[in-house]
Amino acid sequence: MKAPGYWFDGSRPPLHARLLARVYARASAWRRAWLRTRKVARPVLVIGNLIAGGSGKTPLTIAIVERLQAAGWTPGVASRGYGRDEAGTPRWVEPVSDPRWSGDEPVLIAARTGAKVRVDADRVAAANALIKAGCDIVVCDDGLQHYRLQRDVEIEVIDGRRRYGNGALIPAGPLREPVERGARCDFRVLNAGMDDSLEPGFGEWPMRLETAHALPLAGGRARPLSAFAGQRVHAVAGIGDPERFFDTLRRERIAVVPHAFADHHRYTPEDLRFGSDLPVLMTEKDAVKCMRFAGERHYSVPVTARLPEAFWIALLDRLEAVRSPAGKA
């Protein structure tokens, strides 16, 4: 679903949206106050955001899982698997799982990290399944508002381009919770993408996204992204902020023919028929849903999240502090 323009363009939300936002605020406050939480036997790290839609959580989740693995942890990832069929059915996710049943982001995380990934609308059940499978830390992708699962560390991801929009709650604005909620998170990460002009505010850690190559979906050797410089390409993005991906390609001097789709769009072969033989470059999240019918012209553009070393030291120190008590639970 496309976000209403007034969320981010400065125009005034309609009256009905402002009235419904008050109802949403009361319902959310009541839920936070009365929902009982459940603690599990291993540390829980939650990554989320305050606005509806994407903000860069998945690249950060991948980076955190890889850093935990390098530090000797055995992380498992719990996800709802947004937009998948049979959403009420828990599933283990493999790199080759069908995104229609597992969700696009869980499949991407499994493929990039090799970690155990569990999709379940019940995050407590997902966490317990991961622990039973041998994981010693649970990483929740997009779980900031899922209060039923007690967490040890919270990370808020902020979209550096859009931040909090007009600052209003759904449906008058993009916020799932008030902006002040972010102050209670242990870490706040600003997703600056590739825009060097976006600087973190007080208490925010900068995250930069790097790209280097394009991977052919039909198999074969990776091509440097610079190989497409000066060429026209069809650019496909079904993410929270498609323009971020298009700008990434333009910075490589690639002539972009943009094709923006809704976040979590379920692709068909017809979606990628643009009437020309130009190369088609797409995000990793879109690529996992196009593998079944991709041709030689279709490429995935992976991104890697880079954060200051001081962030990793602080995060690992915090997790070590909770490891022993959690292990005795």
Protein backbone atom coordinates (compact mmCIF):
# COMPACT_ATOMS: atom_id res chain seq x y z
CA MET A 1 0.00 0.00 0.00
CA LYS A 2 1.35 3.40 -0.99
CA ALA A 3 1.72 5.91 1.85
CA PRO A 4 -0.57 8.95 1.65
CA GLY A 5 1.23 12.02 0.39
CA TYR A 6 0.49 14.05 3.50
CA TRP A 7 2.61 11.71 5.60
CA PHE A 8 5.80 13.14 4.12
CA ASP A 9 5.07 16.16 1.89
CA GLY A 10 4.11 18.68 4.56
CA SER A 11 0.44 18.97 3.61
CA ARG A 12 -2.25 18.85 6.30
CA PRO A 13 -3.84 15.44 6.97
CA PRO A 14 -7.62 15.28 6.45
CA LEU A 15 -9.88 15.60 9.48
CA HIS A 16 -10.98 11.96 9.49
CA ALA A 17 -7.34 10.82 9.60
CA ARG A 18 -6.57 13.13 12.53
CA LEU A 19 -9.58 11.83 14.45
CA LEU A 20 -8.70 8.20 13.78
CA ALA A 21 -5.12 8.88 14.92
CA ARG A 22 -6.48 9.79 18.37
CA VAL A 23 -8.32 6.48 18.53
CA TYR A 24 -5.16 4.66 17.42
CA ALA A 25 -3.12 6.44 20.11
CA ARG A 26 -5.51 5.39 22.88
CA ALA A 27 -5.68 1.78 21.65
CA SER A 28 -1.88 1.54 21.41
CA ALA A 29 -1.39 3.00 24.87
CA TRP A 30 -3.92 0.57 26.34
CA ARG A 31 -2.19 -2.36 24.63
CA ARG A 32 1.24 -1.39 25.94
CA ALA A 33 -0.11 -0.96 29.45
CA TRP A 34 -2.02 -4.24 29.73
CA LEU A 35 -0.27 -6.74 27.46
CA ARG A 36 1.57 -9.41 29.46
CA THR A 37 5.11 -10.11 28.32
CA ARG A 38 6.87 -13.47 28.14
CA LYS A 39 10.56 -14.00 28.85
CA VAL A 40 12.52 -16.69 27.05
CA ALA A 41 15.69 -18.51 28.14
CA ARG A 42 18.16 -16.64 25.92
CA PRO A 43 18.85 -12.98 25.15
CA VAL A 44 16.47 -11.26 22.74
CA LEU A 45 17.58 -8.41 20.47
CA VAL A 46 14.80 -6.54 18.70
CA ILE A 47 15.33 -4.44 15.56
CA GLY A 48 12.47 -2.20 14.48
CA ASN A 49 11.27 1.23 13.52
CA LEU A 50 8.58 3.68 14.52
CA ILE A 51 7.17 4.45 11.08
CA ALA A 52 5.06 2.18 8.90
CA GLY A 53 7.00 0.71 6.00
CA GLY A 54 10.67 0.10 5.44
CA SER A 55 13.54 2.01 6.98
CA GLY A 56 16.51 -0.30 6.40
CA LYS A 57 15.91 -2.95 9.06
CA THR A 58 16.82 -5.94 6.90
CA PRO A 59 20.36 -4.81 5.94
CA LEU A 60 21.01 -4.04 9.60
CA THR A 61 19.59 -7.41 10.69
CA ILE A 62 21.91 -9.19 8.26
CA ALA A 63 24.92 -7.19 9.46
CA ILE A 64 24.12 -7.88 13.12
CA VAL A 65 23.64 -11.61 12.55
CA GLU A 66 26.95 -11.82 10.69
CA ARG A 67 28.77 -9.89 13.43
CA LEU A 68 27.25 -12.10 16.14
CA GLN A 69 28.37 -15.20 14.24
CA ALA A 70 31.90 -13.80 13.98
CA ALA A 71 31.87 -13.14 17.74
CA GLY A 72 31.01 -16.76 18.55
CA TRP A 73 27.26 -16.47 19.04
CA THR A 74 24.70 -18.75 17.36
CA PRO A 75 21.96 -16.30 16.42
CA GLY A 76 18.52 -17.24 15.16
CA VAL A 77 16.12 -14.82 13.50
CA ALA A 78 12.43 -14.55 14.38
CA SER A 79 10.17 -12.82 11.88
CA ARG A 80 6.49 -12.46 11.17
CA GLY A 81 7.08 -13.02 7.45
CA TYR A 82 4.96 -10.11 6.31
CA GLY A 83 2.68 -10.73 3.33
CA ARG A 84 3.18 -14.49 3.14
CA ASP A 85 0.42 -16.99 2.44
CA GLU A 86 -0.89 -19.00 5.40
CA ALA A 87 0.51 -16.39 7.77
CA GLY A 88 -0.79 -18.37 10.74
CA THR A 89 1.40 -21.37 9.93
CA PRO A 90 4.89 -21.34 11.55
CA ARG A 91 7.72 -22.29 9.19
CA TRP A 92 11.47 -22.78 9.11
CA VAL A 93 12.98 -20.68 6.35
CA GLU A 94 15.80 -21.89 4.12
CA PRO A 95 17.73 -19.94 1.45
CA VAL A 96 15.71 -21.81 -1.20
CA SER A 97 12.31 -21.38 0.51
CA ASP A 98 9.48 -19.94 -1.56
CA PRO A 99 8.87 -16.30 -0.50
CA ARG A 100 5.15 -16.82 -1.09
CA TRP A 101 5.08 -19.09 1.96
CA SER A 102 7.98 -17.69 3.98
CA GLY A 103 8.10 -13.96 3.21
CA ASP A 104 10.67 -12.10 1.12
CA GLU A 105 12.81 -10.66 3.93
CA PRO A 106 13.16 -13.96 5.89
CA VAL A 107 14.32 -15.75 2.71
CA LEU A 108 16.85 -13.01 2.03
CA ILE A 109 18.17 -13.14 5.61
CA ALA A 110 18.49 -16.93 5.47
CA ALA A 111 20.31 -16.75 2.12
CA ARG A 112 22.75 -14.04 3.21
CA THR A 113 23.59 -15.33 6.70
CA GLY A 114 22.96 -19.08 6.79
CA ALA A 115 21.36 -18.57 10.21
CA LYS A 116 18.26 -20.38 11.40
CA VAL A 117 15.17 -18.31 10.55
CA ARG A 118 11.69 -18.94 11.93
CA VAL A 119 8.54 -17.19 10.72
CA ASP A 120 5.60 -17.14 13.11
CA ALA A 121 2.97 -14.57 14.01
CA ASP A 122 3.64 -15.60 17.62
CA ARG A 123 7.11 -14.17 18.32
CA VAL A 124 7.36 -15.97 21.67
CA ALA A 125 6.77 -19.32 19.98
CA ALA A 126 9.30 -18.42 17.27
CA ALA A 127 11.91 -17.51 19.88
CA ASN A 128 11.37 -20.74 21.81
CA ALA A 129 11.63 -22.79 18.59
CA LEU A 130 14.96 -21.12 17.75
CA ILE A 131 16.32 -21.73 21.26
CA LYS A 132 15.25 -25.39 21.10
CA ALA A 133 17.08 -25.63 17.77
CA GLY A 134 20.34 -24.54 19.42
CA CYS A 135 20.40 -20.75 19.05
CA ASP A 136 21.85 -18.81 21.98
CA ILE A 137 20.43 -15.42 20.98
CA VAL A 138 17.19 -14.44 19.23
CA VAL A 139 17.23 -11.54 16.76
CA CYS A 140 13.76 -10.19 15.96
CA ASP A 141 13.44 -8.54 12.57
CA ASP A 142 10.79 -5.81 12.80
CA GLY A 143 9.60 -6.56 16.32
CA LEU A 144 9.66 -3.23 18.14
CA GLN A 145 5.87 -3.13 18.57
CA HIS A 146 5.50 -6.83 19.44
CA TYR A 147 5.57 -6.33 23.20
CA ARG A 148 4.49 -9.83 24.15
CA LEU A 149 8.07 -11.04 23.70
CA GLN A 150 10.25 -9.56 26.43
CA ARG A 151 13.45 -8.14 25.04
CA ASP A 152 16.92 -7.41 26.42
CA VAL A 153 18.16 -4.97 23.76
CA GLU A 154 16.16 -2.73 21.41
CA ILE A 155 17.48 -1.05 18.26
CA GLU A 156 15.47 1.60 16.44
CA VAL A 157 16.23 2.14 12.74
CA ILE A 158 15.52 5.64 11.42
CA ASP A 159 15.07 6.40 7.72
CA GLY A 160 17.59 9.18 7.10
CA ARG A 161 15.66 10.60 4.17
CA ARG A 162 12.14 10.61 5.61
CA ARG A 163 12.80 10.33 9.36
CA TYR A 164 9.37 10.57 11.08
CA GLY A 165 7.47 12.33 8.31
CA ASN A 166 4.92 14.77 9.70
CA GLY A 167 5.31 13.32 13.21
CA ALA A 168 1.69 12.15 13.46
CA LEU A 169 0.35 8.72 14.35
CA ILE A 170 -1.35 6.39 11.86
CA PRO A 171 -3.43 7.18 9.82
CA ALA A 172 -2.73 10.93 10.02
CA GLY A 173 0.99 10.20 9.73
CA PRO A 174 3.42 7.30 9.42
CA LEU A 175 4.11 6.71 13.12
CA ARG A 176 3.20 3.43 14.77
CA GLU A 177 4.17 4.94 18.14
CA PRO A 178 5.05 8.45 19.33
CA VAL A 179 8.51 9.76 18.44
CA GLU A 180 9.41 9.76 22.16
CA ARG A 181 9.31 5.94 22.10
CA GLY A 182 12.68 5.94 20.33
CA ALA A 183 14.39 7.45 23.37
CA ARG A 184 13.71 4.24 25.30
CA CYS A 185 15.63 2.10 22.79
CA ASP A 186 19.15 1.02 23.68
CA PHE A 187 20.52 1.98 20.26
CA ARG A 188 19.23 4.28 17.53
CA VAL A 189 20.63 3.74 14.02
CA LEU A 190 20.27 6.30 11.23
CA ASN A 191 20.05 4.69 7.81
CA ALA A 192 21.85 7.24 5.63
CA GLY A 193 22.10 4.88 2.67
CA MET A 194 24.74 6.29 0.33
CA ASP A 195 23.92 9.93 1.03
CA ASP A 196 26.94 11.46 2.73
CA SER A 197 24.95 14.63 3.44
CA LEU A 198 22.76 12.81 5.97
CA GLU A 199 24.37 13.10 9.38
CA PRO A 200 23.17 11.36 12.57
CA GLY A 201 21.60 13.41 15.31
CA PHE A 202 22.41 13.25 18.99
CA GLY A 203 22.41 9.65 20.23
CA GLU A 204 22.18 8.17 16.72
CA TRP A 205 24.65 5.78 15.08
CA PRO A 206 25.23 6.22 11.31
CA MET A 207 24.65 3.29 8.97
CA ARG A 208 25.92 3.51 5.39
CA LEU A 209 24.85 1.11 2.65
CA GLU A 210 27.46 -0.03 0.14
CA THR A 211 27.01 -1.67 -3.25
CA ALA A 212 29.74 -3.06 -5.45
CA HIS A 213 28.33 -5.51 -7.96
CA ALA A 214 25.26 -6.95 -9.67
CA LEU A 215 24.45 -10.66 -9.53
CA PRO A 216 22.74 -12.29 -12.55
CA LEU A 217 19.63 -14.10 -11.35
CA ALA A 218 19.92 -16.76 -14.04
CA GLY A 219 23.41 -17.69 -12.88
CA GLY A 220 26.88 -16.64 -13.93
CA ARG A 221 29.59 -14.28 -12.76
CA ALA A 222 28.88 -11.07 -10.89
CA ARG A 223 29.39 -7.83 -12.78
CA PRO A 224 30.78 -4.66 -11.21
CA LEU A 225 28.02 -2.12 -10.86
CA SER A 226 30.34 0.32 -12.62
CA ALA A 227 29.99 -1.83 -15.76
CA PHE A 228 26.50 -0.37 -16.21
CA ALA A 229 27.72 3.25 -16.04
CA GLY A 230 26.50 5.28 -19.00
CA GLN A 231 23.84 2.67 -19.86
CA ARG A 232 20.07 2.82 -19.57
CA VAL A 233 18.61 0.15 -17.32
CA HIS A 234 15.21 -0.73 -15.95
CA ALA A 235 15.40 -0.35 -12.16
CA VAL A 236 12.88 -2.31 -10.07
CA ALA A 237 12.21 -1.60 -6.40
CA GLY A 238 9.35 -2.84 -4.24
CA ILE A 239 10.64 -1.50 -0.92
CA GLY A 240 9.58 1.14 1.59
CA ASP A 241 11.43 3.94 -0.24
CA PRO A 242 12.07 2.92 -3.89
CA GLU A 243 13.69 6.26 -4.69
CA ARG A 244 16.59 5.34 -2.41
CA PHE A 245 17.47 2.42 -4.71
CA PHE A 246 17.10 4.51 -7.84
CA ASP A 247 19.40 7.16 -6.39
CA THR A 248 21.95 4.46 -5.55
CA LEU A 249 22.14 3.49 -9.21
CA ARG A 250 22.26 7.10 -10.39
CA ARG A 251 25.30 7.68 -8.17
CA GLU A 252 27.02 5.02 -10.28
CA ARG A 253 26.22 7.14 -13.36
CA ILE A 254 23.60 4.62 -14.51
CA ALA A 255 20.67 6.01 -16.54
CA VAL A 256 17.67 4.74 -14.60
CA VAL A 257 14.24 3.93 -16.00
CA PRO A 258 12.45 3.61 -12.63
CA HIS A 259 9.74 1.06 -11.86
CA ALA A 260 8.46 1.47 -8.29
CA PHE A 261 6.23 -1.21 -6.77
CA ALA A 262 4.55 -1.46 -3.38
CA ASP A 263 6.61 -2.83 -0.51
CA HIS A 264 6.43 -6.67 -0.46
CA HIS A 265 4.89 -6.70 -3.96
CA ARG A 266 4.33 -10.23 -5.29
CA TYR A 267 5.84 -10.24 -8.77
CA THR A 268 4.62 -11.98 -11.90
CA PRO A 269 6.55 -12.35 -15.18
CA GLU A 270 4.38 -9.63 -16.69
CA ASP A 271 5.66 -7.12 -14.13
CA LEU A 272 9.14 -7.34 -15.64
CA ARG A 273 8.12 -7.05 -19.29
CA PHE A 274 8.99 -3.47 -20.15
CA GLY A 275 9.02 -3.72 -23.95
CA SER A 276 12.79 -3.44 -24.38
CA ASP A 277 15.91 -5.54 -23.95
CA LEU A 278 17.61 -3.25 -21.43
CA PRO A 279 19.18 -4.83 -18.34
CA VAL A 280 16.86 -5.04 -15.33
CA LEU A 281 18.45 -4.21 -11.96
CA MET A 282 16.50 -4.84 -8.77
CA THR A 283 16.93 -4.93 -5.02
CA GLU A 284 17.83 -8.18 -3.27
CA LYS A 285 14.42 -8.32 -1.65
CA ASP A 286 12.72 -8.13 -5.02
CA ALA A 287 15.14 -10.62 -6.55
CA VAL A 288 14.20 -13.48 -4.21
CA LYS A 289 10.64 -13.21 -5.54
CA CYS A 290 11.69 -13.17 -9.21
CA MET A 291 14.12 -16.10 -9.23
CA ARG A 292 11.53 -18.55 -10.65
CA PHE A 293 11.08 -16.65 -13.91
CA ALA A 294 14.21 -14.50 -14.18
CA GLY A 295 16.11 -14.30 -17.45
CA GLU A 296 19.62 -13.40 -18.50
CA ARG A 297 18.89 -9.65 -18.34
CA HIS A 298 17.83 -9.69 -14.67
CA TYR A 299 20.27 -8.72 -11.92
CA SER A 300 20.17 -8.37 -8.14
CA VAL A 301 22.07 -5.51 -6.50
CA PRO A 302 23.17 -6.57 -2.99
CA VAL A 303 23.78 -3.96 -0.29
CA THR A 304 26.02 -4.22 2.77
CA ALA A 305 25.46 -2.19 5.93
CA ARG A 306 28.52 -0.48 7.41
CA LEU A 307 28.52 0.94 10.94
CA PRO A 308 31.26 2.42 13.15
CA GLU A 309 33.37 -0.10 15.03
CA ALA A 310 32.40 1.68 18.24
CA PHE A 311 28.78 0.63 17.61
CA TRP A 312 29.75 -3.03 17.40
CA ILE A 313 31.85 -2.83 20.55
CA ALA A 314 28.98 -1.20 22.45
CA LEU A 315 26.42 -3.70 21.15
CA LEU A 316 28.51 -6.79 21.90
CA ASP A 317 29.37 -5.47 25.37
CA ARG A 318 25.67 -4.98 26.10
CA LEU A 319 24.83 -8.49 24.93
CA GLU A 320 27.64 -10.04 26.96
CA ALA A 321 26.23 -8.28 30.02
CA VAL A 322 22.89 -10.06 29.60
CA ARG A 323 24.21 -13.42 28.37
CA SER A 324 24.94 -15.05 31.76
CA PRO A 325 21.69 -14.11 33.55
CA ALA A 326 19.71 -15.19 30.50
CA GLY A 327 21.53 -18.50 30.36
CA LYS A 328 20.47 -19.27 33.92
CA ALA A 329 16.79 -18.59 33.25
